[in-house]
Amino acid sequence: MVLNFFDQFESPILMGLPLMAVAIMLPWIFVPTPSSRWLNNRLITLQAWFFNRFSYQLLMPINPAGHKWALMLTSLMVFLFLINIFGLLPYTFTPTTQLSLNMGLAVPLWLATVLTGMRNQPTHALGHLLPEGTPVPLIPVLIIIETISLFIRPLALGVRLTANLTAGHLLIQLISTAVFVLLPLMPPVAILTASVLFLLTILEVAVAMIQAYVFVLLMSLYLQENV
């Protein structure tokens, strides 16, 4: 039976029940919970320091009105980071390889930033659709182009995250299959391929972290335009 390389992206099912919710909620178990003590252990202290630095760097360019998004953006960053990293483990499922999940995250958050701008400063929000000093004959064309680019933003967020993770998983599976095939035939080539697979796995860990950060960073830039 020929293995289908895209089987790994199917939603896991056990006894007829989809396990997508389990795959989404399981990584949160590994997040340390702060205690009520005055002094915490090193892991919780390091976690709190990371959250503080990340929130500071992410929200520093944004007006104070947008700082109320700090908890949501930080939680989203941790959520994507954990799912992407745990998806690299053997016999696991990566929910962020599903475009439906990524669009479900991107569209509501993007729409919330747009509605925030339309409510707080409608003139400034609509001004992004028409650059200053545009010639009169080009005004209708530019408004259409800017409107299309505005609505493409959530699609670009979801497709970028899905495509990068899917491509990495497929490449790892292809190279690992090649290692098993070449091992009894050409051991030296198989060892060389395995070393390439090890380096690719390290690269995919970096990609998993970077893609989570890029998703949240772009969302903060959209928020910055509307607050």
N, C-alpha and C. Protein backbone atom coordinates (compact mmCIF):
# COMPACT_ATOMS: atom_id res chain seq x y z
N MET A 1 0.85 -1.19 0.00
CA MET A 1 0.00 0.00 0.00
C MET A 1 0.89 1.24 0.00
N VAL A 2 0.64 2.11 -0.93
CA VAL A 2 1.44 3.32 -1.05
C VAL A 2 0.97 4.33 -0.02
N LEU A 3 1.91 4.88 0.73
CA LEU A 3 1.58 5.85 1.76
C LEU A 3 1.25 7.19 1.12
N ASN A 4 0.14 7.75 1.51
CA ASN A 4 -0.23 9.08 1.04
C ASN A 4 0.40 10.10 1.98
N PHE A 5 1.22 10.97 1.41
CA PHE A 5 1.95 11.93 2.24
C PHE A 5 1.02 12.96 2.87
N PHE A 6 -0.19 13.09 2.36
CA PHE A 6 -1.10 14.08 2.91
C PHE A 6 -2.01 13.50 3.99
N ASP A 7 -1.83 12.23 4.32
CA ASP A 7 -2.64 11.63 5.39
C ASP A 7 -2.36 12.27 6.74
N GLN A 8 -1.15 12.80 6.91
CA GLN A 8 -0.80 13.39 8.20
C GLN A 8 -1.58 14.67 8.48
N PHE A 9 -2.18 15.27 7.46
CA PHE A 9 -2.91 16.52 7.65
C PHE A 9 -4.41 16.30 7.86
N GLU A 10 -4.85 15.04 7.87
CA GLU A 10 -6.25 14.75 8.15
C GLU A 10 -6.52 14.89 9.64
N SER A 11 -7.70 15.39 9.96
CA SER A 11 -8.08 15.54 11.36
C SER A 11 -8.18 14.16 12.01
N PRO A 12 -7.53 13.93 13.15
CA PRO A 12 -7.56 12.61 13.79
C PRO A 12 -8.95 12.27 14.31
N ILE A 13 -9.32 11.03 14.17
CA ILE A 13 -10.64 10.54 14.60
C ILE A 13 -10.44 9.28 15.42
N LEU A 14 -11.10 9.20 16.57
CA LEU A 14 -11.05 8.02 17.43
C LEU A 14 -12.48 7.59 17.75
N MET A 15 -12.83 6.39 17.34
CA MET A 15 -14.16 5.83 17.56
C MET A 15 -15.25 6.74 16.99
N GLY A 16 -14.94 7.31 15.83
CA GLY A 16 -15.91 8.16 15.16
C GLY A 16 -15.98 9.58 15.69
N LEU A 17 -15.16 9.93 16.69
CA LEU A 17 -15.18 11.27 17.28
C LEU A 17 -13.94 12.04 16.84
N PRO A 18 -14.11 13.25 16.30
CA PRO A 18 -12.94 14.04 15.90
C PRO A 18 -12.15 14.50 17.12
N LEU A 19 -10.84 14.46 17.00
CA LEU A 19 -9.95 14.83 18.11
C LEU A 19 -9.30 16.19 17.89
N MET A 20 -9.89 17.02 17.03
CA MET A 20 -9.33 18.35 16.80
C MET A 20 -9.31 19.18 18.08
N ALA A 21 -10.40 19.11 18.86
CA ALA A 21 -10.46 19.89 20.10
C ALA A 21 -9.40 19.43 21.09
N VAL A 22 -9.14 18.12 21.15
CA VAL A 22 -8.10 17.60 22.04
C VAL A 22 -6.73 18.08 21.59
N ALA A 23 -6.48 18.06 20.27
CA ALA A 23 -5.18 18.51 19.75
C ALA A 23 -4.97 20.00 20.01
N ILE A 24 -6.05 20.77 20.08
CA ILE A 24 -5.93 22.21 20.33
C ILE A 24 -5.70 22.49 21.81
N MET A 25 -6.42 21.78 22.68
CA MET A 25 -6.35 22.08 24.11
C MET A 25 -5.20 21.39 24.83
N LEU A 26 -4.69 20.30 24.29
CA LEU A 26 -3.66 19.53 25.00
C LEU A 26 -2.39 20.33 25.28
N PRO A 27 -1.87 21.15 24.35
CA PRO A 27 -0.63 21.88 24.67
C PRO A 27 -0.73 22.81 25.86
N TRP A 28 -1.95 23.28 26.20
CA TRP A 28 -2.08 24.20 27.33
C TRP A 28 -1.76 23.51 28.66
N ILE A 29 -1.79 22.18 28.67
CA ILE A 29 -1.47 21.47 29.91
C ILE A 29 -0.02 21.71 30.30
N PHE A 30 0.85 21.94 29.31
CA PHE A 30 2.28 22.07 29.58
C PHE A 30 2.68 23.51 29.93
N VAL A 31 1.71 24.44 29.99
CA VAL A 31 2.02 25.81 30.39
C VAL A 31 1.99 25.89 31.91
N PRO A 32 3.08 26.28 32.55
CA PRO A 32 3.07 26.36 34.02
C PRO A 32 2.07 27.39 34.52
N THR A 33 1.37 27.05 35.60
CA THR A 33 0.37 27.94 36.19
C THR A 33 0.99 28.68 37.36
N PRO A 34 0.98 30.02 37.35
CA PRO A 34 1.55 30.77 38.48
C PRO A 34 0.79 30.46 39.77
N SER A 35 1.53 30.42 40.85
CA SER A 35 0.93 30.16 42.16
C SER A 35 0.67 31.48 42.88
N SER A 36 0.04 31.38 44.04
CA SER A 36 -0.25 32.56 44.85
C SER A 36 0.89 32.92 45.80
N ARG A 37 2.00 32.23 45.70
CA ARG A 37 3.13 32.52 46.59
C ARG A 37 3.86 33.78 46.14
N TRP A 38 4.58 34.36 47.05
CA TRP A 38 5.36 35.55 46.73
C TRP A 38 6.52 35.20 45.81
N LEU A 39 7.11 34.04 46.02
CA LEU A 39 8.24 33.61 45.22
C LEU A 39 7.86 32.36 44.44
N ASN A 40 8.07 32.38 43.14
CA ASN A 40 7.77 31.23 42.29
C ASN A 40 9.07 30.53 41.90
N ASN A 41 8.93 29.38 41.26
CA ASN A 41 10.12 28.66 40.83
C ASN A 41 10.72 29.32 39.59
N ARG A 42 11.85 28.80 39.14
CA ARG A 42 12.57 29.43 38.04
C ARG A 42 11.78 29.39 36.73
N LEU A 43 11.05 28.30 36.51
CA LEU A 43 10.31 28.17 35.26
C LEU A 43 9.20 29.21 35.14
N ILE A 44 8.45 29.39 36.22
CA ILE A 44 7.36 30.37 36.19
C ILE A 44 7.93 31.78 36.12
N THR A 45 9.05 32.02 36.79
CA THR A 45 9.68 33.34 36.72
C THR A 45 10.17 33.64 35.30
N LEU A 46 10.76 32.64 34.66
CA LEU A 46 11.21 32.82 33.27
C LEU A 46 10.02 33.03 32.34
N GLN A 47 8.93 32.31 32.59
CA GLN A 47 7.74 32.49 31.77
C GLN A 47 7.17 33.90 31.92
N ALA A 48 7.10 34.40 33.15
CA ALA A 48 6.58 35.74 33.37
C ALA A 48 7.49 36.79 32.74
N TRP A 49 8.80 36.58 32.82
CA TRP A 49 9.73 37.53 32.18
C TRP A 49 9.54 37.54 30.66
N PHE A 50 9.36 36.36 30.07
CA PHE A 50 9.16 36.28 28.63
C PHE A 50 7.87 36.98 28.22
N PHE A 51 6.79 36.76 28.96
CA PHE A 51 5.52 37.40 28.63
C PHE A 51 5.63 38.92 28.74
N ASN A 52 6.31 39.40 29.77
CA ASN A 52 6.46 40.85 29.94
C ASN A 52 7.28 41.46 28.81
N ARG A 53 8.39 40.83 28.45
CA ARG A 53 9.23 41.37 27.38
C ARG A 53 8.53 41.31 26.03
N PHE A 54 7.81 40.20 25.79
CA PHE A 54 7.10 40.08 24.52
C PHE A 54 6.00 41.13 24.41
N SER A 55 5.23 41.31 25.46
CA SER A 55 4.17 42.31 25.43
C SER A 55 4.73 43.72 25.26
N TYR A 56 5.85 43.98 25.92
CA TYR A 56 6.46 45.31 25.81
C TYR A 56 6.94 45.59 24.39
N GLN A 57 7.65 44.63 23.80
CA GLN A 57 8.16 44.82 22.44
C GLN A 57 7.04 44.88 21.41
N LEU A 58 5.98 44.13 21.63
CA LEU A 58 4.88 44.08 20.66
C LEU A 58 4.02 45.33 20.71
N LEU A 59 3.77 45.85 21.91
CA LEU A 59 2.82 46.95 22.07
C LEU A 59 3.50 48.30 22.23
N MET A 60 4.82 48.35 22.22
CA MET A 60 5.51 49.62 22.39
C MET A 60 5.15 50.64 21.31
N PRO A 61 5.05 50.25 20.00
CA PRO A 61 4.70 51.26 19.00
C PRO A 61 3.23 51.63 18.97
N ILE A 62 2.38 50.92 19.71
CA ILE A 62 0.94 51.13 19.65
C ILE A 62 0.51 52.13 20.71
N ASN A 63 -0.51 52.90 20.39
CA ASN A 63 -1.06 53.86 21.35
C ASN A 63 -1.58 53.14 22.59
N PRO A 64 -1.64 53.85 23.73
CA PRO A 64 -2.14 53.20 24.96
C PRO A 64 -3.54 52.61 24.81
N ALA A 65 -4.34 53.13 23.87
CA ALA A 65 -5.69 52.59 23.69
C ALA A 65 -5.65 51.15 23.20
N GLY A 66 -4.56 50.77 22.54
CA GLY A 66 -4.47 49.41 22.04
C GLY A 66 -3.81 48.44 23.00
N HIS A 67 -3.38 48.91 24.18
CA HIS A 67 -2.70 48.03 25.13
C HIS A 67 -3.65 47.03 25.78
N LYS A 68 -4.94 47.28 25.66
CA LYS A 68 -5.90 46.31 26.20
C LYS A 68 -5.89 44.99 25.42
N TRP A 69 -5.25 44.99 24.25
CA TRP A 69 -5.12 43.78 23.45
C TRP A 69 -3.93 42.93 23.89
N ALA A 70 -3.20 43.35 24.90
CA ALA A 70 -1.96 42.66 25.28
C ALA A 70 -2.23 41.20 25.66
N LEU A 71 -3.25 40.96 26.48
CA LEU A 71 -3.53 39.59 26.93
C LEU A 71 -3.93 38.70 25.75
N MET A 72 -4.74 39.24 24.85
CA MET A 72 -5.20 38.43 23.72
C MET A 72 -4.05 38.09 22.78
N LEU A 73 -3.22 39.07 22.45
CA LEU A 73 -2.12 38.82 21.52
C LEU A 73 -1.06 37.90 22.13
N THR A 74 -0.78 38.08 23.42
CA THR A 74 0.19 37.20 24.08
C THR A 74 -0.33 35.77 24.16
N SER A 75 -1.60 35.61 24.48
CA SER A 75 -2.19 34.27 24.53
C SER A 75 -2.18 33.63 23.14
N LEU A 76 -2.46 34.42 22.11
CA LEU A 76 -2.43 33.88 20.75
C LEU A 76 -1.03 33.44 20.36
N MET A 77 -0.03 34.21 20.76
CA MET A 77 1.36 33.85 20.47
C MET A 77 1.72 32.52 21.14
N VAL A 78 1.38 32.37 22.40
CA VAL A 78 1.69 31.13 23.12
C VAL A 78 0.92 29.96 22.52
N PHE A 79 -0.33 30.20 22.16
CA PHE A 79 -1.16 29.15 21.57
C PHE A 79 -0.57 28.63 20.26
N LEU A 80 -0.22 29.53 19.35
CA LEU A 80 0.35 29.12 18.07
C LEU A 80 1.73 28.49 18.26
N PHE A 81 2.51 29.03 19.17
CA PHE A 81 3.86 28.50 19.42
C PHE A 81 3.79 27.06 19.92
N LEU A 82 2.93 26.80 20.89
CA LEU A 82 2.84 25.45 21.44
C LEU A 82 2.30 24.46 20.42
N ILE A 83 1.28 24.85 19.67
CA ILE A 83 0.70 23.93 18.68
C ILE A 83 1.72 23.62 17.60
N ASN A 84 2.45 24.64 17.13
CA ASN A 84 3.44 24.41 16.08
C ASN A 84 4.58 23.52 16.56
N ILE A 85 5.04 23.73 17.79
CA ILE A 85 6.16 22.94 18.30
C ILE A 85 5.73 21.50 18.57
N PHE A 86 4.59 21.30 19.23
CA PHE A 86 4.14 19.94 19.53
C PHE A 86 3.76 19.19 18.26
N GLY A 87 3.42 19.91 17.19
CA GLY A 87 3.11 19.25 15.94
C GLY A 87 4.31 18.63 15.26
N LEU A 88 5.52 18.98 15.70
CA LEU A 88 6.73 18.39 15.14
C LEU A 88 7.09 17.07 15.79
N LEU A 89 6.43 16.71 16.87
CA LEU A 89 6.71 15.43 17.53
C LEU A 89 6.12 14.28 16.72
N PRO A 90 6.72 13.10 16.81
CA PRO A 90 6.18 11.96 16.06
C PRO A 90 4.78 11.57 16.55
N TYR A 91 3.96 11.11 15.60
CA TYR A 91 2.61 10.62 15.87
C TYR A 91 1.73 11.69 16.51
N THR A 92 1.92 12.92 16.10
CA THR A 92 1.09 14.02 16.57
C THR A 92 0.41 14.68 15.38
N PHE A 93 -0.56 15.54 15.69
CA PHE A 93 -1.31 16.25 14.67
C PHE A 93 -1.13 17.74 14.89
N THR A 94 -0.91 18.49 13.82
CA THR A 94 -0.72 19.93 13.90
C THR A 94 -1.98 20.64 13.43
N PRO A 95 -2.79 21.19 14.32
CA PRO A 95 -4.03 21.85 13.89
C PRO A 95 -3.79 23.06 12.99
N THR A 96 -2.63 23.72 13.13
CA THR A 96 -2.38 24.92 12.34
C THR A 96 -2.02 24.60 10.89
N THR A 97 -1.97 23.33 10.51
CA THR A 97 -1.84 23.00 9.09
C THR A 97 -3.20 23.02 8.39
N GLN A 98 -4.27 23.25 9.16
CA GLN A 98 -5.62 23.34 8.60
C GLN A 98 -5.94 24.81 8.31
N LEU A 99 -6.25 25.10 7.06
CA LEU A 99 -6.57 26.48 6.68
C LEU A 99 -7.82 26.98 7.39
N SER A 100 -8.75 26.08 7.67
CA SER A 100 -9.99 26.50 8.33
C SER A 100 -9.71 27.05 9.73
N LEU A 101 -8.81 26.41 10.48
CA LEU A 101 -8.47 26.90 11.81
C LEU A 101 -7.75 28.24 11.73
N ASN A 102 -6.79 28.36 10.83
CA ASN A 102 -6.03 29.60 10.72
C ASN A 102 -6.92 30.76 10.28
N MET A 103 -7.84 30.49 9.35
CA MET A 103 -8.77 31.54 8.95
C MET A 103 -9.73 31.88 10.07
N GLY A 104 -10.10 30.88 10.87
CA GLY A 104 -10.95 31.14 12.02
C GLY A 104 -10.28 32.02 13.06
N LEU A 105 -8.96 32.01 13.11
CA LEU A 105 -8.23 32.91 14.00
C LEU A 105 -8.00 34.28 13.36
N ALA A 106 -7.68 34.29 12.06
CA ALA A 106 -7.29 35.53 11.40
C ALA A 106 -8.47 36.45 11.12
N VAL A 107 -9.57 35.91 10.62
CA VAL A 107 -10.69 36.75 10.20
C VAL A 107 -11.32 37.50 11.37
N PRO A 108 -11.69 36.85 12.49
CA PRO A 108 -12.30 37.63 13.58
C PRO A 108 -11.38 38.69 14.17
N LEU A 109 -10.09 38.38 14.33
CA LEU A 109 -9.17 39.36 14.90
C LEU A 109 -8.95 40.53 13.94
N TRP A 110 -8.78 40.22 12.64
CA TRP A 110 -8.65 41.29 11.66
C TRP A 110 -9.90 42.16 11.61
N LEU A 111 -11.07 41.53 11.64
CA LEU A 111 -12.33 42.28 11.60
C LEU A 111 -12.48 43.14 12.85
N ALA A 112 -12.01 42.65 13.98
CA ALA A 112 -12.08 43.44 15.22
C ALA A 112 -11.22 44.69 15.12
N THR A 113 -10.03 44.58 14.51
CA THR A 113 -9.19 45.77 14.35
C THR A 113 -9.83 46.78 13.39
N VAL A 114 -10.45 46.29 12.31
CA VAL A 114 -11.10 47.19 11.36
C VAL A 114 -12.29 47.89 12.00
N LEU A 115 -13.10 47.14 12.73
CA LEU A 115 -14.27 47.75 13.38
C LEU A 115 -13.84 48.72 14.48
N THR A 116 -12.73 48.44 15.15
CA THR A 116 -12.21 49.37 16.15
C THR A 116 -11.83 50.69 15.51
N GLY A 117 -11.15 50.63 14.36
CA GLY A 117 -10.78 51.86 13.65
C GLY A 117 -11.99 52.60 13.13
N MET A 118 -12.99 51.89 12.60
CA MET A 118 -14.19 52.56 12.09
C MET A 118 -15.00 53.22 13.21
N ARG A 119 -14.92 52.65 14.41
CA ARG A 119 -15.67 53.24 15.52
C ARG A 119 -14.95 54.42 16.15
N ASN A 120 -13.64 54.29 16.34
CA ASN A 120 -12.90 55.33 17.04
C ASN A 120 -12.50 56.49 16.14
N GLN A 121 -12.04 56.20 14.94
CA GLN A 121 -11.58 57.26 14.02
C GLN A 121 -11.96 56.88 12.59
N PRO A 122 -13.23 57.04 12.24
CA PRO A 122 -13.68 56.61 10.91
C PRO A 122 -13.01 57.35 9.77
N THR A 123 -12.74 58.64 9.96
CA THR A 123 -12.11 59.41 8.88
C THR A 123 -10.70 58.90 8.59
N HIS A 124 -9.95 58.64 9.64
CA HIS A 124 -8.59 58.13 9.47
C HIS A 124 -8.60 56.71 8.90
N ALA A 125 -9.56 55.89 9.33
CA ALA A 125 -9.63 54.52 8.83
C ALA A 125 -9.98 54.48 7.35
N LEU A 126 -10.93 55.31 6.94
CA LEU A 126 -11.29 55.36 5.53
C LEU A 126 -10.23 56.06 4.69
N GLY A 127 -9.41 56.90 5.34
CA GLY A 127 -8.35 57.60 4.61
C GLY A 127 -7.28 56.66 4.07
N HIS A 128 -7.16 55.45 4.65
CA HIS A 128 -6.18 54.49 4.13
C HIS A 128 -6.56 53.99 2.74
N LEU A 129 -7.83 54.12 2.38
CA LEU A 129 -8.26 53.63 1.08
C LEU A 129 -7.88 54.57 -0.06
N LEU A 130 -7.50 55.81 0.27
CA LEU A 130 -7.16 56.78 -0.78
C LEU A 130 -5.95 57.58 -0.34
N PRO A 131 -4.76 57.33 -0.90
CA PRO A 131 -3.57 58.09 -0.52
C PRO A 131 -3.73 59.57 -0.87
N GLU A 132 -3.08 60.40 -0.09
CA GLU A 132 -3.16 61.85 -0.30
C GLU A 132 -2.45 62.25 -1.59
N GLY A 133 -3.05 63.17 -2.32
CA GLY A 133 -2.46 63.66 -3.55
C GLY A 133 -2.72 62.78 -4.76
N THR A 134 -3.71 61.89 -4.68
CA THR A 134 -4.00 61.01 -5.81
C THR A 134 -4.70 61.78 -6.93
N PRO A 135 -4.27 61.62 -8.17
CA PRO A 135 -4.98 62.29 -9.29
C PRO A 135 -6.44 61.84 -9.35
N VAL A 136 -7.29 62.76 -9.76
CA VAL A 136 -8.73 62.47 -9.79
C VAL A 136 -9.08 61.27 -10.67
N PRO A 137 -8.51 61.10 -11.86
CA PRO A 137 -8.89 59.92 -12.67
C PRO A 137 -8.54 58.58 -12.03
N LEU A 138 -7.54 58.58 -11.13
CA LEU A 138 -7.11 57.32 -10.51
C LEU A 138 -7.84 57.01 -9.20
N ILE A 139 -8.69 57.92 -8.74
CA ILE A 139 -9.34 57.71 -7.44
C ILE A 139 -10.19 56.44 -7.41
N PRO A 140 -11.09 56.19 -8.38
CA PRO A 140 -11.89 54.95 -8.30
C PRO A 140 -11.04 53.68 -8.34
N VAL A 141 -9.99 53.70 -9.18
CA VAL A 141 -9.15 52.50 -9.30
C VAL A 141 -8.40 52.24 -8.00
N LEU A 142 -7.84 53.29 -7.39
CA LEU A 142 -7.08 53.12 -6.16
C LEU A 142 -7.97 52.68 -5.01
N ILE A 143 -9.20 53.19 -4.96
CA ILE A 143 -10.11 52.78 -3.89
C ILE A 143 -10.41 51.28 -4.01
N ILE A 144 -10.62 50.81 -5.23
CA ILE A 144 -10.89 49.38 -5.44
C ILE A 144 -9.67 48.55 -5.06
N ILE A 145 -8.48 49.00 -5.47
CA ILE A 145 -7.26 48.24 -5.16
C ILE A 145 -7.01 48.18 -3.66
N GLU A 146 -7.15 49.33 -2.98
CA GLU A 146 -6.91 49.36 -1.54
C GLU A 146 -7.95 48.55 -0.78
N THR A 147 -9.19 48.54 -1.27
CA THR A 147 -10.23 47.73 -0.62
C THR A 147 -9.93 46.25 -0.76
N ILE A 148 -9.49 45.85 -1.96
CA ILE A 148 -9.13 44.44 -2.16
C ILE A 148 -7.95 44.05 -1.29
N SER A 149 -6.95 44.92 -1.21
CA SER A 149 -5.79 44.62 -0.37
C SER A 149 -6.17 44.54 1.10
N LEU A 150 -7.16 45.34 1.50
CA LEU A 150 -7.62 45.29 2.90
C LEU A 150 -8.28 43.95 3.21
N PHE A 151 -9.09 43.45 2.29
CA PHE A 151 -9.81 42.20 2.54
C PHE A 151 -8.91 40.98 2.31
N ILE A 152 -7.79 41.16 1.66
CA ILE A 152 -6.87 40.04 1.45
C ILE A 152 -6.02 39.78 2.69
N ARG A 153 -5.93 40.74 3.58
CA ARG A 153 -5.06 40.59 4.75
C ARG A 153 -5.33 39.34 5.57
N PRO A 154 -6.56 39.06 5.99
CA PRO A 154 -6.77 37.82 6.77
C PRO A 154 -6.48 36.57 5.97
N LEU A 155 -6.77 36.60 4.67
CA LEU A 155 -6.46 35.44 3.83
C LEU A 155 -4.95 35.21 3.77
N ALA A 156 -4.18 36.30 3.67
CA ALA A 156 -2.72 36.17 3.64
C ALA A 156 -2.19 35.63 4.97
N LEU A 157 -2.79 36.05 6.08
CA LEU A 157 -2.35 35.54 7.39
C LEU A 157 -2.57 34.03 7.49
N GLY A 158 -3.77 33.59 7.13
CA GLY A 158 -4.07 32.17 7.24
C GLY A 158 -3.28 31.31 6.27
N VAL A 159 -3.16 31.77 5.01
CA VAL A 159 -2.46 30.98 4.00
C VAL A 159 -0.96 30.92 4.32
N ARG A 160 -0.39 32.01 4.81
CA ARG A 160 1.04 32.01 5.13
C ARG A 160 1.37 30.98 6.20
N LEU A 161 0.59 30.97 7.27
CA LEU A 161 0.84 30.02 8.35
C LEU A 161 0.62 28.58 7.89
N THR A 162 -0.46 28.36 7.14
CA THR A 162 -0.75 27.00 6.65
C THR A 162 0.32 26.51 5.69
N ALA A 163 0.70 27.34 4.74
CA ALA A 163 1.64 26.92 3.70
C ALA A 163 3.02 26.62 4.29
N ASN A 164 3.50 27.45 5.19
CA ASN A 164 4.84 27.23 5.76
C ASN A 164 4.90 25.95 6.58
N LEU A 165 3.89 25.70 7.39
CA LEU A 165 3.91 24.49 8.22
C LEU A 165 3.67 23.25 7.38
N THR A 166 2.77 23.33 6.40
CA THR A 166 2.50 22.17 5.55
C THR A 166 3.72 21.79 4.73
N ALA A 167 4.39 22.79 4.16
CA ALA A 167 5.59 22.51 3.36
C ALA A 167 6.68 21.87 4.21
N GLY A 168 6.87 22.37 5.42
CA GLY A 168 7.89 21.79 6.29
C GLY A 168 7.59 20.35 6.67
N HIS A 169 6.34 20.06 7.02
CA HIS A 169 5.97 18.70 7.38
C HIS A 169 6.13 17.74 6.19
N LEU A 170 5.74 18.19 5.02
CA LEU A 170 5.88 17.33 3.84
C LEU A 170 7.35 17.05 3.54
N LEU A 171 8.19 18.07 3.66
CA LEU A 171 9.61 17.89 3.38
C LEU A 171 10.25 16.93 4.37
N ILE A 172 9.89 17.05 5.65
CA ILE A 172 10.43 16.13 6.66
C ILE A 172 9.99 14.70 6.36
N GLN A 173 8.73 14.51 5.99
CA GLN A 173 8.26 13.15 5.71
C GLN A 173 8.92 12.58 4.46
N LEU A 174 9.12 13.40 3.44
CA LEU A 174 9.78 12.92 2.22
C LEU A 174 11.21 12.48 2.51
N ILE A 175 11.95 13.30 3.25
CA ILE A 175 13.36 12.97 3.53
C ILE A 175 13.46 11.78 4.46
N SER A 176 12.58 11.69 5.46
CA SER A 176 12.62 10.54 6.36
C SER A 176 12.27 9.25 5.62
N THR A 177 11.34 9.32 4.68
CA THR A 177 11.04 8.14 3.86
C THR A 177 12.24 7.73 3.01
N ALA A 178 12.94 8.73 2.49
CA ALA A 178 14.14 8.43 1.70
C ALA A 178 15.22 7.77 2.56
N VAL A 179 15.34 8.18 3.82
CA VAL A 179 16.33 7.56 4.72
C VAL A 179 16.03 6.08 4.91
N PHE A 180 14.77 5.74 5.16
CA PHE A 180 14.40 4.33 5.37
C PHE A 180 14.59 3.51 4.10
N VAL A 181 14.36 4.11 2.94
CA VAL A 181 14.52 3.37 1.69
C VAL A 181 16.00 3.16 1.37
N LEU A 182 16.83 4.17 1.64
CA LEU A 182 18.24 4.09 1.28
C LEU A 182 19.08 3.32 2.29
N LEU A 183 18.58 3.14 3.51
CA LEU A 183 19.40 2.53 4.56
C LEU A 183 19.88 1.11 4.20
N PRO A 184 19.04 0.20 3.71
CA PRO A 184 19.57 -1.14 3.35
C PRO A 184 20.31 -1.15 2.02
N LEU A 185 20.11 -0.14 1.19
CA LEU A 185 20.72 -0.13 -0.14
C LEU A 185 22.06 0.60 -0.14
N MET A 186 22.07 1.83 0.37
CA MET A 186 23.28 2.66 0.39
C MET A 186 23.41 3.32 1.76
N PRO A 187 24.00 2.62 2.73
CA PRO A 187 24.09 3.18 4.08
C PRO A 187 24.80 4.54 4.16
N PRO A 188 25.92 4.75 3.45
CA PRO A 188 26.54 6.08 3.56
C PRO A 188 25.62 7.21 3.10
N VAL A 189 24.91 6.99 2.00
CA VAL A 189 23.98 8.01 1.51
C VAL A 189 22.84 8.19 2.51
N ALA A 190 22.39 7.10 3.12
CA ALA A 190 21.31 7.20 4.10
C ALA A 190 21.75 8.01 5.32
N ILE A 191 23.01 7.82 5.76
CA ILE A 191 23.52 8.59 6.90
C ILE A 191 23.61 10.06 6.55
N LEU A 192 24.07 10.37 5.34
CA LEU A 192 24.14 11.76 4.90
C LEU A 192 22.74 12.37 4.83
N THR A 193 21.78 11.61 4.33
CA THR A 193 20.40 12.11 4.26
C THR A 193 19.82 12.31 5.65
N ALA A 194 20.18 11.43 6.58
CA ALA A 194 19.69 11.58 7.96
C ALA A 194 20.24 12.84 8.61
N SER A 195 21.50 13.17 8.30
CA SER A 195 22.06 14.43 8.83
C SER A 195 21.33 15.64 8.26
N VAL A 196 20.97 15.56 6.97
CA VAL A 196 20.18 16.65 6.38
C VAL A 196 18.81 16.73 7.05
N LEU A 197 18.23 15.58 7.36
CA LEU A 197 16.94 15.55 8.06
C LEU A 197 17.04 16.18 9.44
N PHE A 198 18.14 15.93 10.13
CA PHE A 198 18.33 16.53 11.46
C PHE A 198 18.41 18.06 11.37
N LEU A 199 19.16 18.54 10.39
CA LEU A 199 19.27 19.99 10.21
C LEU A 199 17.93 20.59 9.80
N LEU A 200 17.19 19.87 8.97
CA LEU A 200 15.87 20.36 8.55
C LEU A 200 14.91 20.41 9.73
N THR A 201 15.01 19.46 10.64
CA THR A 201 14.15 19.47 11.82
C THR A 201 14.43 20.69 12.69
N ILE A 202 15.71 21.02 12.85
CA ILE A 202 16.07 22.23 13.60
C ILE A 202 15.50 23.47 12.91
N LEU A 203 15.60 23.48 11.58
CA LEU A 203 15.05 24.61 10.83
C LEU A 203 13.54 24.71 11.02
N GLU A 204 12.86 23.57 11.04
CA GLU A 204 11.41 23.59 11.20
C GLU A 204 11.00 24.07 12.59
N VAL A 205 11.81 23.78 13.60
CA VAL A 205 11.53 24.32 14.93
C VAL A 205 11.61 25.83 14.91
N ALA A 206 12.62 26.37 14.22
CA ALA A 206 12.73 27.83 14.09
C ALA A 206 11.57 28.39 13.29
N VAL A 207 11.17 27.70 12.23
CA VAL A 207 10.04 28.17 11.42
C VAL A 207 8.75 28.18 12.24
N ALA A 208 8.57 27.16 13.07
CA ALA A 208 7.37 27.10 13.91
C ALA A 208 7.29 28.28 14.86
N MET A 209 8.42 28.66 15.44
CA MET A 209 8.44 29.81 16.35
C MET A 209 8.27 31.11 15.58
N ILE A 210 8.96 31.24 14.45
CA ILE A 210 8.90 32.49 13.68
C ILE A 210 7.51 32.73 13.12
N GLN A 211 6.86 31.68 12.62
CA GLN A 211 5.53 31.85 12.04
C GLN A 211 4.50 32.27 13.09
N ALA A 212 4.63 31.74 14.31
CA ALA A 212 3.74 32.19 15.38
C ALA A 212 3.97 33.66 15.69
N TYR A 213 5.23 34.07 15.72
CA TYR A 213 5.54 35.48 16.00
C TYR A 213 5.08 36.39 14.87
N VAL A 214 5.28 35.97 13.62
CA VAL A 214 4.89 36.79 12.48
C VAL A 214 3.37 36.97 12.44
N PHE A 215 2.62 35.93 12.74
CA PHE A 215 1.17 36.03 12.76
C PHE A 215 0.71 37.09 13.75
N VAL A 216 1.25 37.05 14.96
CA VAL A 216 0.85 38.01 15.99
C VAL A 216 1.40 39.41 15.67
N LEU A 217 2.60 39.48 15.11
CA LEU A 217 3.19 40.78 14.77
C LEU A 217 2.36 41.50 13.72
N LEU A 218 1.96 40.79 12.67
CA LEU A 218 1.13 41.42 11.64
C LEU A 218 -0.22 41.85 12.20
N MET A 219 -0.77 41.05 13.11
CA MET A 219 -2.03 41.45 13.72
C MET A 219 -1.86 42.71 14.55
N SER A 220 -0.71 42.86 15.22
CA SER A 220 -0.47 44.08 15.98
C SER A 220 -0.27 45.29 15.06
N LEU A 221 0.31 45.07 13.88
CA LEU A 221 0.45 46.17 12.91
C LEU A 221 -0.91 46.61 12.39
N TYR A 222 -1.80 45.66 12.15
CA TYR A 222 -3.16 46.03 11.75
C TYR A 222 -3.86 46.79 12.85
N LEU A 223 -3.61 46.39 14.09
CA LEU A 223 -4.20 47.12 15.22
C LEU A 223 -3.63 48.52 15.33
N GLN A 224 -2.34 48.67 15.07
CA GLN A 224 -1.68 49.97 15.16
C GLN A 224 -2.29 50.97 14.17
N GLU A 225 -2.73 50.49 13.02
CA GLU A 225 -3.32 51.38 12.03
C GLU A 225 -4.70 51.88 12.45
N ASN A 226 -5.33 51.23 13.40
CA ASN A 226 -6.73 51.53 13.70
C ASN A 226 -6.96 52.05 15.12
N VAL A 227 -5.90 52.30 15.87
CA VAL A 227 -6.07 52.85 17.22
C VAL A 227 -5.28 54.14 17.34
